[in-house]
């Protein structure tokens, strides 16, 4: 399954050498995936809906990831 990659990718510089001096190299720092970010946004909307008050949490989470998967599909079209 494609997860859309990192939601907030960034690079961090790590200095290598004695006392931190020397050649710098760029390392990638992982964060949440775009799929997780989209699901969190969808879950926020689902929970804000008064009609969802009787829906089980695992059902809401499943719906949120369904929305996230669809958003990634549309984004990649």
Protein backbone atom coordinates (compact mmCIF):
# COMPACT_ATOMS: atom_id res chain seq x y z
CA UNK A 1 0.00 0.00 0.00
CA UNK A 2 1.26 3.45 -0.84
CA UNK A 3 1.25 5.76 2.16
CA UNK A 4 2.04 9.00 0.32
CA UNK A 5 5.51 9.31 1.83
CA UNK A 6 6.40 11.58 4.71
CA UNK A 7 3.89 14.30 5.61
CA UNK A 8 6.52 16.74 6.84
CA UNK A 9 9.88 15.59 5.48
CA UNK A 10 12.93 17.50 6.59
CA UNK A 11 16.64 17.05 6.51
CA UNK A 12 18.91 17.27 9.51
CA UNK A 13 22.63 17.94 9.29
CA UNK A 14 24.93 15.75 11.30
CA UNK A 15 28.53 16.81 11.70
CA UNK A 16 31.10 14.05 11.52
CA UNK A 17 34.64 14.42 12.80
CA UNK A 18 36.54 15.29 15.97
CA UNK A 19 34.53 17.47 18.32
CA UNK A 20 31.71 17.65 15.81
CA UNK A 21 33.91 19.43 13.30
CA UNK A 22 34.43 18.12 9.84
CA UNK A 23 32.32 17.04 6.96
CA UNK A 24 28.60 17.54 7.28
CA UNK A 25 26.22 15.02 5.83
CA UNK A 26 22.48 15.26 5.40
CA UNK A 27 20.35 12.56 6.96
CA UNK A 28 16.62 12.16 6.48
CA UNK A 29 14.43 12.38 9.57
CA UNK A 30 11.24 10.36 9.38
CA UNK A 31 7.91 11.62 10.59
CA UNK A 32 4.29 10.69 10.15
CA UNK A 33 3.16 9.49 6.75
CA UNK A 34 0.84 11.49 4.57
CA UNK A 35 -1.71 8.68 4.97
CA UNK A 36 -1.62 9.08 8.77
CA UNK A 37 -1.91 12.86 8.44
CA UNK A 38 -4.91 12.58 6.11
CA UNK A 39 -6.52 10.01 8.43
CA UNK A 40 -6.06 12.28 11.44
CA UNK A 41 -7.70 15.16 9.58
CA UNK A 42 -10.58 12.93 8.48
CA UNK A 43 -11.00 11.55 12.01
CA UNK A 44 -11.24 15.08 13.39
CA UNK A 45 -14.11 15.81 11.02
CA UNK A 46 -15.82 12.50 11.74
CA UNK A 47 -15.64 13.04 15.49
CA UNK A 48 -16.94 16.59 15.17
CA UNK A 49 -20.07 15.26 13.52
CA UNK A 50 -22.81 14.87 16.13
CA UNK A 51 -24.18 11.86 14.23
CA UNK A 52 -21.00 9.93 15.01
CA UNK A 53 -21.49 9.95 18.80
CA UNK A 54 -22.84 6.37 18.81
CA UNK A 55 -20.25 4.97 16.39
CA UNK A 56 -17.52 2.74 17.82
CA UNK A 57 -14.02 4.22 17.82
CA UNK A 58 -12.55 1.45 15.70
CA UNK A 59 -15.25 2.05 13.06
CA UNK A 60 -14.43 5.78 13.00
CA UNK A 61 -10.71 5.00 12.64
CA UNK A 62 -11.45 2.60 9.78
CA UNK A 63 -13.55 5.24 8.04
CA UNK A 64 -10.79 7.82 8.53
CA UNK A 65 -8.22 5.56 6.86
CA UNK A 66 -10.65 4.82 4.03
CA UNK A 67 -10.90 8.57 3.42
CA UNK A 68 -7.11 8.90 3.64
CA UNK A 69 -6.57 6.10 1.13
CA UNK A 70 -8.97 7.71 -1.29
CA UNK A 71 -7.27 11.12 -0.89
CA UNK A 72 -3.92 9.53 -1.76
CA UNK A 73 -5.46 7.78 -4.78
CA UNK A 74 -6.92 11.04 -6.09
CA UNK A 75 -3.67 12.88 -5.37
CA UNK A 76 -1.75 10.36 -7.48
CA UNK A 77 -4.11 10.49 -10.47
